[in-house]
Structures are given as structure tokens and as C-alpha cells.
Amino acid sequence: MSTTSESSRSYAPAAGLEPLRAKSGWIIALGIVYVIAGFVALGSVVFATVVTVFVVGIMMLIAGAAEVINAFQIKTWGKFLLWLLLGVLYIVAGFVTFENPLLAAALLTLLLGFSLVASGIMRIVLAFSMKEGKPWLWVALSGMITLLLGLVILAHWPVSGLYILGLFLGIDLIIAGASWIGIGFGLRRRA
């Protein structure tokens, strides 16, 4: 037996979507902008790679400044020096990315390749340690694809450093844009 308060609670999430439904056109427009930006990035992957490296450099500068500020909040000299050194290293790394963005892209791509290889191996090991009945095959397939992608990146390194980050950025923008467009149309359909 359900009471009125229980039935009104079951519709609460749908009521929370009402402000989003009113903005579904803007959500679709945002998705279209993402898709266009993704295709622009795919059209010039080297430029997109450089832009990605600059964004990473900016984040390193911000993180370095935050670490230096945090160092002055520390009361003991040993920890102060460690935090200060960490912040200075971040700032130096940020400036190095601006000084030579293609070298930074090559290093980031190398790190990405090794990370994908390690992640792929871990997923394959995880898949074979799963019990029967669980989706171990999908985990193994995901691990093999990730491992192969990492090996392809490493096999073509350092040349892959020119285009991989831009390629991934373009693909990510297109997928995110398609998702926003789907959400926008989904909100309209439920209205």
C-alpha cells in the first residue's frame, strides 16, 4: 500500500529535470559546438596537440602556484621546503611546456602509451581472475584493445607525439558533443 508522500517521492527526480527541459535547446546547441570543435581538432591534429599541451602547461602553472602558496602555510621547515620544491618544479615544468610544446607533447604521448599498456595488462589479468558468469570476456576485450592501442602509440613514438593528443581531443569532443545532443533530445522527448 502506498501513501501519497511515497508516490510523490517516486516522481521527484522527474520534477528535478524540469529546469533542464526548458534549456534543452541550449544543451543541444552545446553538443553541436562540441561536435564542430571535435571535427576542427581532427582536421588539424598537430594544432590540437599543441593546444592540449598549452592547457596542460597552464594547469601545471596554476598547480605550482598553489603548491608554493601552500608551502607558506606549513609551519615546519622540512615540509615547507618539500612543498616549495614541488611547487617550483610544477612551475618550471609549466614554463617548459610553453618553451617547447612539441617536446612536451612527445613526452606526454610516451607517458600515455605506457599508461595504456599498463592499464591493458591490468584489465586482462583482472578479466582472467573473474569468476564464471561475470562479464569477464568484455573486460578482457577492453584490456586487449587498450593494450594494443598503447603498443601502437609506443611503436610510432616519437612521431605519434605530434598527433595522438590532438586525435584523442577531437574524438573526445565529438563523443561528448554527441552525448549532449542525445541528452538534449531525450529531455525534449520526455517533455
N, C-alpha and C. Protein backbone atom coordinates (compact mmCIF):
# COMPACT_ATOMS: atom_id res chain seq x y z
N MET A 1 0.85 -1.17 0.00
CA MET A 1 0.00 0.00 0.00
C MET A 1 0.89 1.23 0.00
N SER A 2 0.64 2.13 -0.88
CA SER A 2 1.49 3.33 -0.96
C SER A 2 0.70 4.54 -0.53
N THR A 3 1.39 5.42 0.11
CA THR A 3 0.76 6.66 0.54
C THR A 3 1.04 7.75 -0.49
N THR A 4 0.41 8.88 -0.28
CA THR A 4 0.60 9.99 -1.21
C THR A 4 2.03 10.48 -1.18
N SER A 5 2.65 10.51 -0.01
CA SER A 5 4.02 11.02 0.08
C SER A 5 4.99 10.07 -0.62
N GLU A 6 4.73 8.74 -0.56
CA GLU A 6 5.60 7.79 -1.25
C GLU A 6 5.48 7.93 -2.76
N SER A 7 4.26 8.12 -3.27
CA SER A 7 4.09 8.25 -4.70
C SER A 7 4.65 9.57 -5.21
N SER A 8 4.59 10.63 -4.42
CA SER A 8 5.15 11.90 -4.87
C SER A 8 6.68 11.85 -4.87
N ARG A 9 7.27 11.03 -3.97
CA ARG A 9 8.72 10.89 -3.95
C ARG A 9 9.22 10.16 -5.18
N SER A 10 8.42 9.24 -5.73
CA SER A 10 8.87 8.50 -6.90
C SER A 10 8.93 9.37 -8.14
N TYR A 11 8.18 10.47 -8.15
CA TYR A 11 8.21 11.39 -9.29
C TYR A 11 9.15 12.57 -9.06
N ALA A 12 9.80 12.65 -7.92
CA ALA A 12 10.67 13.78 -7.61
C ALA A 12 11.82 13.94 -8.60
N PRO A 13 12.51 12.86 -9.01
CA PRO A 13 13.60 13.06 -9.97
C PRO A 13 13.10 13.64 -11.29
N ALA A 14 11.91 13.24 -11.75
CA ALA A 14 11.38 13.77 -13.00
C ALA A 14 11.08 15.26 -12.85
N ALA A 15 10.61 15.66 -11.68
CA ALA A 15 10.33 17.07 -11.44
C ALA A 15 11.62 17.87 -11.41
N GLY A 16 12.72 17.26 -10.97
CA GLY A 16 14.02 17.93 -10.93
C GLY A 16 14.59 18.20 -12.30
N LEU A 17 14.08 17.51 -13.31
CA LEU A 17 14.56 17.70 -14.68
C LEU A 17 13.87 18.86 -15.39
N GLU A 18 12.84 19.41 -14.79
CA GLU A 18 12.07 20.47 -15.43
C GLU A 18 12.92 21.67 -15.86
N PRO A 19 13.84 22.16 -15.00
CA PRO A 19 14.69 23.29 -15.47
C PRO A 19 15.58 22.89 -16.65
N LEU A 20 16.02 21.64 -16.68
CA LEU A 20 16.84 21.19 -17.81
C LEU A 20 16.01 21.07 -19.08
N ARG A 21 14.78 20.63 -18.96
CA ARG A 21 13.91 20.53 -20.14
C ARG A 21 13.73 21.89 -20.80
N ALA A 22 13.61 22.92 -19.97
CA ALA A 22 13.43 24.27 -20.51
C ALA A 22 14.67 24.73 -21.28
N LYS A 23 15.82 24.17 -20.94
CA LYS A 23 17.09 24.55 -21.58
C LYS A 23 17.58 23.50 -22.57
N SER A 24 16.73 22.60 -23.00
CA SER A 24 17.16 21.52 -23.88
C SER A 24 17.73 22.03 -25.20
N GLY A 25 17.21 23.15 -25.70
CA GLY A 25 17.76 23.74 -26.92
C GLY A 25 19.20 24.19 -26.74
N TRP A 26 19.49 24.76 -25.58
CA TRP A 26 20.87 25.18 -25.29
C TRP A 26 21.79 23.97 -25.13
N ILE A 27 21.28 22.90 -24.55
CA ILE A 27 22.07 21.68 -24.37
C ILE A 27 22.40 21.09 -25.74
N ILE A 28 21.43 21.08 -26.64
CA ILE A 28 21.67 20.58 -28.00
C ILE A 28 22.67 21.49 -28.71
N ALA A 29 22.54 22.79 -28.55
CA ALA A 29 23.48 23.73 -29.17
C ALA A 29 24.90 23.52 -28.64
N LEU A 30 25.02 23.28 -27.33
CA LEU A 30 26.32 22.98 -26.75
C LEU A 30 26.92 21.73 -27.38
N GLY A 31 26.09 20.71 -27.55
CA GLY A 31 26.55 19.47 -28.19
C GLY A 31 27.03 19.71 -29.61
N ILE A 32 26.31 20.54 -30.34
CA ILE A 32 26.70 20.85 -31.72
C ILE A 32 28.05 21.58 -31.74
N VAL A 33 28.24 22.51 -30.80
CA VAL A 33 29.52 23.22 -30.72
C VAL A 33 30.65 22.24 -30.41
N TYR A 34 30.43 21.31 -29.50
CA TYR A 34 31.44 20.31 -29.18
C TYR A 34 31.78 19.47 -30.42
N VAL A 35 30.76 19.03 -31.15
CA VAL A 35 31.00 18.21 -32.34
C VAL A 35 31.79 18.99 -33.38
N ILE A 36 31.41 20.24 -33.62
CA ILE A 36 32.15 21.06 -34.58
C ILE A 36 33.60 21.24 -34.13
N ALA A 37 33.80 21.53 -32.84
CA ALA A 37 35.17 21.68 -32.32
C ALA A 37 35.95 20.38 -32.45
N GLY A 38 35.28 19.26 -32.27
CA GLY A 38 35.94 17.97 -32.44
C GLY A 38 36.39 17.74 -33.86
N PHE A 39 35.54 18.08 -34.82
CA PHE A 39 35.94 17.92 -36.23
C PHE A 39 37.04 18.91 -36.62
N VAL A 40 37.01 20.11 -36.05
CA VAL A 40 38.10 21.05 -36.30
C VAL A 40 39.41 20.49 -35.74
N ALA A 41 39.35 19.92 -34.54
CA ALA A 41 40.54 19.32 -33.93
C ALA A 41 41.05 18.16 -34.78
N LEU A 42 40.14 17.35 -35.32
CA LEU A 42 40.56 16.23 -36.18
C LEU A 42 41.12 16.74 -37.50
N GLY A 43 40.67 17.91 -37.94
CA GLY A 43 41.17 18.48 -39.17
C GLY A 43 42.60 19.00 -39.05
N SER A 44 43.00 19.34 -37.85
CA SER A 44 44.36 19.80 -37.60
C SER A 44 44.84 19.23 -36.27
N VAL A 45 45.22 17.96 -36.30
CA VAL A 45 45.58 17.27 -35.06
C VAL A 45 46.86 17.82 -34.45
N VAL A 46 47.78 18.32 -35.26
CA VAL A 46 49.02 18.88 -34.70
C VAL A 46 48.69 20.15 -33.92
N PHE A 47 47.85 21.01 -34.49
CA PHE A 47 47.44 22.22 -33.78
C PHE A 47 46.68 21.86 -32.50
N ALA A 48 45.79 20.89 -32.58
CA ALA A 48 45.03 20.46 -31.40
C ALA A 48 45.96 19.88 -30.34
N THR A 49 47.02 19.19 -30.77
CA THR A 49 48.00 18.66 -29.83
C THR A 49 48.71 19.80 -29.11
N VAL A 50 49.11 20.82 -29.84
CA VAL A 50 49.79 21.96 -29.23
C VAL A 50 48.85 22.68 -28.25
N VAL A 51 47.60 22.84 -28.63
CA VAL A 51 46.62 23.48 -27.73
C VAL A 51 46.47 22.64 -26.46
N THR A 52 46.40 21.33 -26.60
CA THR A 52 46.29 20.44 -25.44
C THR A 52 47.49 20.60 -24.52
N VAL A 53 48.68 20.68 -25.10
CA VAL A 53 49.89 20.84 -24.30
C VAL A 53 49.87 22.19 -23.59
N PHE A 54 49.40 23.24 -24.25
CA PHE A 54 49.31 24.54 -23.59
C PHE A 54 48.34 24.50 -22.42
N VAL A 55 47.24 23.80 -22.56
CA VAL A 55 46.29 23.66 -21.45
C VAL A 55 46.95 22.93 -20.28
N VAL A 56 47.68 21.87 -20.59
CA VAL A 56 48.41 21.14 -19.54
C VAL A 56 49.43 22.07 -18.88
N GLY A 57 50.13 22.89 -19.68
CA GLY A 57 51.09 23.84 -19.13
C GLY A 57 50.45 24.85 -18.20
N ILE A 58 49.29 25.36 -18.59
CA ILE A 58 48.56 26.31 -17.74
C ILE A 58 48.16 25.65 -16.43
N MET A 59 47.68 24.41 -16.51
CA MET A 59 47.29 23.70 -15.29
C MET A 59 48.50 23.46 -14.38
N MET A 60 49.67 23.19 -14.98
CA MET A 60 50.88 23.00 -14.19
C MET A 60 51.28 24.30 -13.49
N LEU A 61 51.16 25.42 -14.18
CA LEU A 61 51.49 26.71 -13.56
C LEU A 61 50.54 27.01 -12.40
N ILE A 62 49.27 26.76 -12.60
CA ILE A 62 48.29 27.00 -11.53
C ILE A 62 48.56 26.09 -10.34
N ALA A 63 48.82 24.81 -10.62
CA ALA A 63 49.12 23.87 -9.54
C ALA A 63 50.41 24.26 -8.82
N GLY A 64 51.42 24.70 -9.57
CA GLY A 64 52.67 25.13 -8.95
C GLY A 64 52.48 26.33 -8.05
N ALA A 65 51.71 27.30 -8.51
CA ALA A 65 51.44 28.47 -7.69
C ALA A 65 50.70 28.08 -6.41
N ALA A 66 49.75 27.17 -6.54
CA ALA A 66 49.00 26.71 -5.37
C ALA A 66 49.92 25.98 -4.39
N GLU A 67 50.86 25.18 -4.91
CA GLU A 67 51.80 24.48 -4.04
C GLU A 67 52.72 25.46 -3.31
N VAL A 68 53.19 26.49 -4.01
CA VAL A 68 54.05 27.49 -3.37
C VAL A 68 53.28 28.23 -2.28
N ILE A 69 52.04 28.61 -2.58
CA ILE A 69 51.22 29.29 -1.57
C ILE A 69 50.99 28.36 -0.39
N ASN A 70 50.73 27.09 -0.67
CA ASN A 70 50.51 26.12 0.40
C ASN A 70 51.78 25.93 1.23
N ALA A 71 52.95 26.04 0.61
CA ALA A 71 54.21 25.87 1.34
C ALA A 71 54.33 26.89 2.46
N PHE A 72 53.86 28.10 2.21
CA PHE A 72 53.96 29.13 3.23
C PHE A 72 52.93 28.95 4.35
N GLN A 73 52.00 28.03 4.17
CA GLN A 73 51.04 27.71 5.23
C GLN A 73 51.59 26.65 6.18
N ILE A 74 52.64 25.95 5.75
CA ILE A 74 53.23 24.87 6.54
C ILE A 74 54.13 25.48 7.61
N LYS A 75 54.06 24.93 8.81
CA LYS A 75 54.80 25.51 9.93
C LYS A 75 56.22 24.94 10.09
N THR A 76 56.47 23.72 9.63
CA THR A 76 57.80 23.13 9.81
C THR A 76 58.65 23.35 8.57
N TRP A 77 59.96 23.55 8.76
CA TRP A 77 60.86 23.85 7.66
C TRP A 77 61.01 22.70 6.69
N GLY A 78 61.05 21.46 7.19
CA GLY A 78 61.22 20.32 6.30
C GLY A 78 60.09 20.19 5.31
N LYS A 79 58.88 20.28 5.80
CA LYS A 79 57.71 20.20 4.92
C LYS A 79 57.58 21.44 4.06
N PHE A 80 57.96 22.58 4.60
CA PHE A 80 57.93 23.83 3.83
C PHE A 80 58.81 23.69 2.60
N LEU A 81 60.01 23.19 2.78
CA LEU A 81 60.94 23.06 1.66
C LEU A 81 60.45 22.05 0.63
N LEU A 82 59.84 20.96 1.09
CA LEU A 82 59.31 19.96 0.16
C LEU A 82 58.16 20.54 -0.67
N TRP A 83 57.22 21.22 -0.01
CA TRP A 83 56.10 21.82 -0.73
C TRP A 83 56.58 22.90 -1.69
N LEU A 84 57.55 23.70 -1.24
CA LEU A 84 58.09 24.76 -2.08
C LEU A 84 58.80 24.17 -3.30
N LEU A 85 59.59 23.12 -3.09
CA LEU A 85 60.28 22.47 -4.20
C LEU A 85 59.30 21.87 -5.19
N LEU A 86 58.27 21.23 -4.66
CA LEU A 86 57.24 20.66 -5.53
C LEU A 86 56.57 21.74 -6.37
N GLY A 87 56.22 22.85 -5.74
CA GLY A 87 55.59 23.95 -6.46
C GLY A 87 56.50 24.54 -7.52
N VAL A 88 57.75 24.72 -7.19
CA VAL A 88 58.71 25.27 -8.15
C VAL A 88 58.88 24.31 -9.33
N LEU A 89 58.93 23.01 -9.06
CA LEU A 89 59.06 22.02 -10.15
C LEU A 89 57.85 22.08 -11.08
N TYR A 90 56.66 22.21 -10.51
CA TYR A 90 55.46 22.35 -11.34
C TYR A 90 55.55 23.60 -12.21
N ILE A 91 55.98 24.70 -11.62
CA ILE A 91 56.06 25.96 -12.37
C ILE A 91 57.09 25.84 -13.49
N VAL A 92 58.25 25.25 -13.19
CA VAL A 92 59.28 25.08 -14.21
C VAL A 92 58.76 24.18 -15.34
N ALA A 93 58.09 23.08 -14.97
CA ALA A 93 57.53 22.18 -15.99
C ALA A 93 56.49 22.89 -16.83
N GLY A 94 55.69 23.75 -16.21
CA GLY A 94 54.70 24.52 -16.97
C GLY A 94 55.36 25.45 -17.98
N PHE A 95 56.43 26.12 -17.56
CA PHE A 95 57.14 27.01 -18.50
C PHE A 95 57.84 26.22 -19.60
N VAL A 96 58.34 25.02 -19.27
CA VAL A 96 58.99 24.19 -20.29
C VAL A 96 57.99 23.77 -21.36
N THR A 97 56.74 23.51 -20.97
CA THR A 97 55.74 23.15 -21.98
C THR A 97 55.48 24.31 -22.93
N PHE A 98 55.55 25.54 -22.42
CA PHE A 98 55.37 26.70 -23.31
C PHE A 98 56.60 26.92 -24.18
N GLU A 99 57.77 26.61 -23.64
CA GLU A 99 59.02 26.81 -24.37
C GLU A 99 59.13 25.84 -25.55
N ASN A 100 58.76 24.58 -25.34
CA ASN A 100 58.88 23.57 -26.39
C ASN A 100 57.66 22.64 -26.34
N PRO A 101 56.54 23.07 -26.90
CA PRO A 101 55.31 22.28 -26.78
C PRO A 101 55.39 20.93 -27.50
N LEU A 102 56.14 20.83 -28.57
CA LEU A 102 56.22 19.54 -29.27
C LEU A 102 57.01 18.51 -28.47
N LEU A 103 58.06 18.95 -27.78
CA LEU A 103 58.78 18.03 -26.90
C LEU A 103 57.87 17.58 -25.75
N ALA A 104 57.14 18.53 -25.18
CA ALA A 104 56.19 18.18 -24.11
C ALA A 104 55.13 17.22 -24.63
N ALA A 105 54.66 17.43 -25.86
CA ALA A 105 53.66 16.53 -26.44
C ALA A 105 54.25 15.13 -26.61
N ALA A 106 55.50 15.06 -27.05
CA ALA A 106 56.14 13.75 -27.22
C ALA A 106 56.27 13.04 -25.87
N LEU A 107 56.65 13.77 -24.83
CA LEU A 107 56.78 13.15 -23.51
C LEU A 107 55.42 12.73 -22.95
N LEU A 108 54.42 13.58 -23.13
CA LEU A 108 53.08 13.21 -22.67
C LEU A 108 52.54 12.00 -23.43
N THR A 109 52.84 11.92 -24.72
CA THR A 109 52.39 10.78 -25.52
C THR A 109 53.10 9.51 -25.08
N LEU A 110 54.39 9.61 -24.77
CA LEU A 110 55.12 8.45 -24.26
C LEU A 110 54.51 7.97 -22.95
N LEU A 111 54.22 8.90 -22.06
CA LEU A 111 53.59 8.56 -20.79
C LEU A 111 52.21 7.93 -21.02
N LEU A 112 51.45 8.49 -21.96
CA LEU A 112 50.14 7.94 -22.30
C LEU A 112 50.26 6.52 -22.83
N GLY A 113 51.22 6.28 -23.71
CA GLY A 113 51.43 4.94 -24.26
C GLY A 113 51.73 3.93 -23.18
N PHE A 114 52.66 4.26 -22.27
CA PHE A 114 53.00 3.35 -21.17
C PHE A 114 51.80 3.13 -20.25
N SER A 115 51.03 4.19 -20.00
CA SER A 115 49.84 4.06 -19.14
C SER A 115 48.80 3.14 -19.77
N LEU A 116 48.60 3.26 -21.08
CA LEU A 116 47.63 2.39 -21.75
C LEU A 116 48.10 0.94 -21.75
N VAL A 117 49.38 0.71 -21.94
CA VAL A 117 49.90 -0.66 -21.89
C VAL A 117 49.69 -1.25 -20.49
N ALA A 118 50.04 -0.49 -19.46
CA ALA A 118 49.87 -0.98 -18.09
C ALA A 118 48.39 -1.22 -17.78
N SER A 119 47.52 -0.30 -18.19
CA SER A 119 46.09 -0.46 -17.95
C SER A 119 45.54 -1.67 -18.69
N GLY A 120 45.97 -1.87 -19.92
CA GLY A 120 45.51 -3.04 -20.68
C GLY A 120 45.93 -4.34 -20.03
N ILE A 121 47.18 -4.42 -19.58
CA ILE A 121 47.65 -5.64 -18.91
C ILE A 121 46.85 -5.89 -17.64
N MET A 122 46.62 -4.83 -16.86
CA MET A 122 45.86 -5.00 -15.61
C MET A 122 44.43 -5.46 -15.88
N ARG A 123 43.80 -4.96 -16.93
CA ARG A 123 42.43 -5.38 -17.25
C ARG A 123 42.40 -6.84 -17.70
N ILE A 124 43.39 -7.25 -18.46
CA ILE A 124 43.45 -8.65 -18.90
C ILE A 124 43.64 -9.58 -17.70
N VAL A 125 44.54 -9.20 -16.79
CA VAL A 125 44.75 -10.00 -15.57
C VAL A 125 43.47 -10.03 -14.75
N LEU A 126 42.81 -8.90 -14.62
CA LEU A 126 41.55 -8.82 -13.88
C LEU A 126 40.49 -9.71 -14.53
N ALA A 127 40.42 -9.70 -15.85
CA ALA A 127 39.41 -10.49 -16.56
C ALA A 127 39.58 -11.98 -16.29
N PHE A 128 40.82 -12.46 -16.31
CA PHE A 128 41.04 -13.88 -16.10
C PHE A 128 40.94 -14.29 -14.64
N SER A 129 40.91 -13.31 -13.73
CA SER A 129 40.71 -13.63 -12.33
C SER A 129 39.23 -13.54 -11.93
N MET A 130 38.37 -13.11 -12.84
CA MET A 130 36.94 -13.02 -12.56
C MET A 130 36.33 -14.41 -12.60
N LYS A 131 35.27 -14.57 -11.84
CA LYS A 131 34.58 -15.86 -11.79
C LYS A 131 33.67 -16.02 -13.00
N GLU A 132 33.29 -17.25 -13.25
CA GLU A 132 32.36 -17.55 -14.34
C GLU A 132 31.06 -16.79 -14.13
N GLY A 133 30.41 -16.45 -15.20
CA GLY A 133 29.13 -15.77 -15.12
C GLY A 133 29.23 -14.26 -15.11
N LYS A 134 30.38 -13.74 -14.76
CA LYS A 134 30.56 -12.29 -14.80
C LYS A 134 31.04 -11.93 -16.20
N PRO A 135 30.95 -10.67 -16.56
CA PRO A 135 31.32 -10.27 -17.93
C PRO A 135 32.83 -10.20 -18.13
N TRP A 136 33.52 -11.30 -17.84
CA TRP A 136 34.98 -11.33 -17.95
C TRP A 136 35.44 -11.15 -19.39
N LEU A 137 34.64 -11.63 -20.34
CA LEU A 137 35.03 -11.52 -21.74
C LEU A 137 35.10 -10.05 -22.18
N TRP A 138 34.15 -9.21 -21.72
CA TRP A 138 34.15 -7.80 -22.08
C TRP A 138 35.34 -7.09 -21.44
N VAL A 139 35.66 -7.46 -20.21
CA VAL A 139 36.81 -6.85 -19.54
C VAL A 139 38.10 -7.26 -20.26
N ALA A 140 38.19 -8.52 -20.67
CA ALA A 140 39.38 -8.99 -21.40
C ALA A 140 39.49 -8.28 -22.75
N LEU A 141 38.37 -8.14 -23.46
CA LEU A 141 38.37 -7.45 -24.75
C LEU A 141 38.79 -5.99 -24.58
N SER A 142 38.26 -5.33 -23.56
CA SER A 142 38.65 -3.95 -23.27
C SER A 142 40.14 -3.86 -22.97
N GLY A 143 40.65 -4.81 -22.21
CA GLY A 143 42.08 -4.83 -21.89
C GLY A 143 42.94 -5.04 -23.12
N MET A 144 42.51 -5.92 -24.01
CA MET A 144 43.29 -6.17 -25.23
C MET A 144 43.31 -4.94 -26.14
N ILE A 145 42.16 -4.28 -26.26
CA ILE A 145 42.10 -3.07 -27.10
C ILE A 145 42.98 -1.98 -26.50
N THR A 146 42.91 -1.79 -25.19
CA THR A 146 43.73 -0.78 -24.53
C THR A 146 45.21 -1.10 -24.67
N LEU A 147 45.57 -2.37 -24.49
CA LEU A 147 46.96 -2.80 -24.64
C LEU A 147 47.46 -2.55 -26.06
N LEU A 148 46.66 -2.94 -27.05
CA LEU A 148 47.05 -2.73 -28.45
C LEU A 148 47.19 -1.25 -28.79
N LEU A 149 46.28 -0.44 -28.29
CA LEU A 149 46.36 1.00 -28.54
C LEU A 149 47.64 1.58 -27.95
N GLY A 150 47.98 1.16 -26.74
CA GLY A 150 49.21 1.62 -26.11
C GLY A 150 50.44 1.17 -26.89
N LEU A 151 50.43 -0.08 -27.37
CA LEU A 151 51.56 -0.59 -28.14
C LEU A 151 51.71 0.14 -29.48
N VAL A 152 50.59 0.47 -30.12
CA VAL A 152 50.64 1.21 -31.38
C VAL A 152 51.23 2.60 -31.14
N ILE A 153 50.81 3.25 -30.07
CA ILE A 153 51.34 4.58 -29.75
C ILE A 153 52.84 4.50 -29.51
N LEU A 154 53.27 3.51 -28.72
CA LEU A 154 54.69 3.37 -28.42
C LEU A 154 55.50 2.98 -29.65
N ALA A 155 54.93 2.16 -30.53
CA ALA A 155 55.65 1.71 -31.72
C ALA A 155 55.91 2.87 -32.67
N HIS A 156 55.04 3.87 -32.68
CA HIS A 156 55.19 5.01 -33.58
C HIS A 156 55.77 6.24 -32.89
N TRP A 157 56.18 6.08 -31.64
CA TRP A 157 56.74 7.20 -30.90
C TRP A 157 58.14 7.49 -31.42
N PRO A 158 58.61 8.69 -31.57
CA PRO A 158 58.10 9.97 -31.12
C PRO A 158 57.18 10.67 -32.12
N VAL A 159 57.03 10.11 -33.33
CA VAL A 159 56.18 10.74 -34.33
C VAL A 159 54.74 10.81 -33.85
N SER A 160 54.30 9.80 -33.11
CA SER A 160 52.92 9.80 -32.62
C SER A 160 52.66 10.96 -31.66
N GLY A 161 53.72 11.53 -31.10
CA GLY A 161 53.57 12.67 -30.22
C GLY A 161 53.03 13.91 -30.92
N LEU A 162 53.15 13.94 -32.24
CA LEU A 162 52.65 15.08 -32.99
C LEU A 162 51.14 15.08 -33.15
N TYR A 163 50.53 13.90 -33.11
CA TYR A 163 49.10 13.85 -33.45
C TYR A 163 48.21 13.11 -32.46
N ILE A 164 48.75 12.28 -31.58
CA ILE A 164 47.90 11.46 -30.71
C ILE A 164 47.05 12.31 -29.77
N LEU A 165 47.65 13.28 -29.10
CA LEU A 165 46.87 14.08 -28.15
C LEU A 165 45.77 14.86 -28.87
N GLY A 166 46.07 15.40 -30.03
CA GLY A 166 45.05 16.10 -30.82
C GLY A 166 43.97 15.17 -31.31
N LEU A 167 44.37 13.97 -31.73
CA LEU A 167 43.41 12.97 -32.17
C LEU A 167 42.47 12.58 -31.04
N PHE A 168 43.04 12.31 -29.86
CA PHE A 168 42.21 11.96 -28.71
C PHE A 168 41.30 13.11 -28.31
N LEU A 169 41.81 14.35 -28.38
CA LEU A 169 40.98 15.51 -28.06
C LEU A 169 39.80 15.62 -29.02
N GLY A 170 40.07 15.46 -30.32
CA GLY A 170 38.99 15.54 -31.31
C GLY A 170 37.94 14.47 -31.10
N ILE A 171 38.38 13.24 -30.87
CA ILE A 171 37.44 12.14 -30.65
C ILE A 171 36.63 12.38 -29.38
N ASP A 172 37.30 12.85 -28.32
CA ASP A 172 36.61 13.11 -27.07
C ASP A 172 35.55 14.21 -27.24
N LEU A 173 35.89 15.27 -27.96
CA LEU A 173 34.92 16.35 -28.18
C LEU A 173 33.72 15.87 -28.98
N ILE A 174 33.95 15.04 -29.98
CA ILE A 174 32.83 14.53 -30.79
C ILE A 174 31.93 13.63 -29.95
N ILE A 175 32.52 12.75 -29.15
CA ILE A 175 31.71 11.86 -28.31
C ILE A 175 30.95 12.66 -27.26
N ALA A 176 31.63 13.63 -26.62
CA ALA A 176 30.95 14.47 -25.63
C ALA A 176 29.82 15.27 -26.28
N GLY A 177 30.07 15.81 -27.47
CA GLY A 177 29.03 16.56 -28.18
C GLY A 177 27.84 15.69 -28.52
N ALA A 178 28.10 14.48 -29.02
CA ALA A 178 27.00 13.56 -29.33
C ALA A 178 26.21 13.23 -28.07
N SER A 179 26.90 13.09 -26.96
CA SER A 179 26.21 12.81 -25.69
C SER A 179 25.31 13.97 -25.30
N TRP A 180 25.82 15.21 -25.39
CA TRP A 180 25.00 16.37 -25.05
C TRP A 180 23.79 16.49 -25.97
N ILE A 181 24.01 16.22 -27.25
CA ILE A 181 22.88 16.27 -28.19
C ILE A 181 21.84 15.21 -27.82
N GLY A 182 22.29 14.00 -27.49
CA GLY A 182 21.38 12.94 -27.07
C GLY A 182 20.62 13.30 -25.81
N ILE A 183 21.31 13.91 -24.86
CA ILE A 183 20.65 14.33 -23.62
C ILE A 183 19.60 15.40 -23.92
N GLY A 184 19.95 16.36 -24.77
CA GLY A 184 19.01 17.42 -25.12
C GLY A 184 17.76 16.89 -25.78
N PHE A 185 17.93 16.00 -26.76
CA PHE A 185 16.76 15.42 -27.43
C PHE A 185 15.98 14.51 -26.49
N GLY A 186 16.68 13.82 -25.58
CA GLY A 186 16.00 12.99 -24.59
C GLY A 186 15.13 13.81 -23.66
N LEU A 187 15.63 14.97 -23.27
CA LEU A 187 14.84 15.86 -22.42
C LEU A 187 13.62 16.39 -23.16
N ARG A 188 13.76 16.69 -24.44
CA ARG A 188 12.63 17.17 -25.23
C ARG A 188 11.58 16.07 -25.38
N ARG A 189 12.05 14.84 -25.58
CA ARG A 189 11.13 13.74 -25.81
C ARG A 189 10.28 13.48 -24.57
N ARG A 190 10.86 13.67 -23.39
CA ARG A 190 10.12 13.42 -22.15
C ARG A 190 9.24 14.59 -21.73
N ALA A 191 9.39 15.70 -22.40
CA ALA A 191 8.61 16.89 -22.01
C ALA A 191 7.15 16.72 -22.33
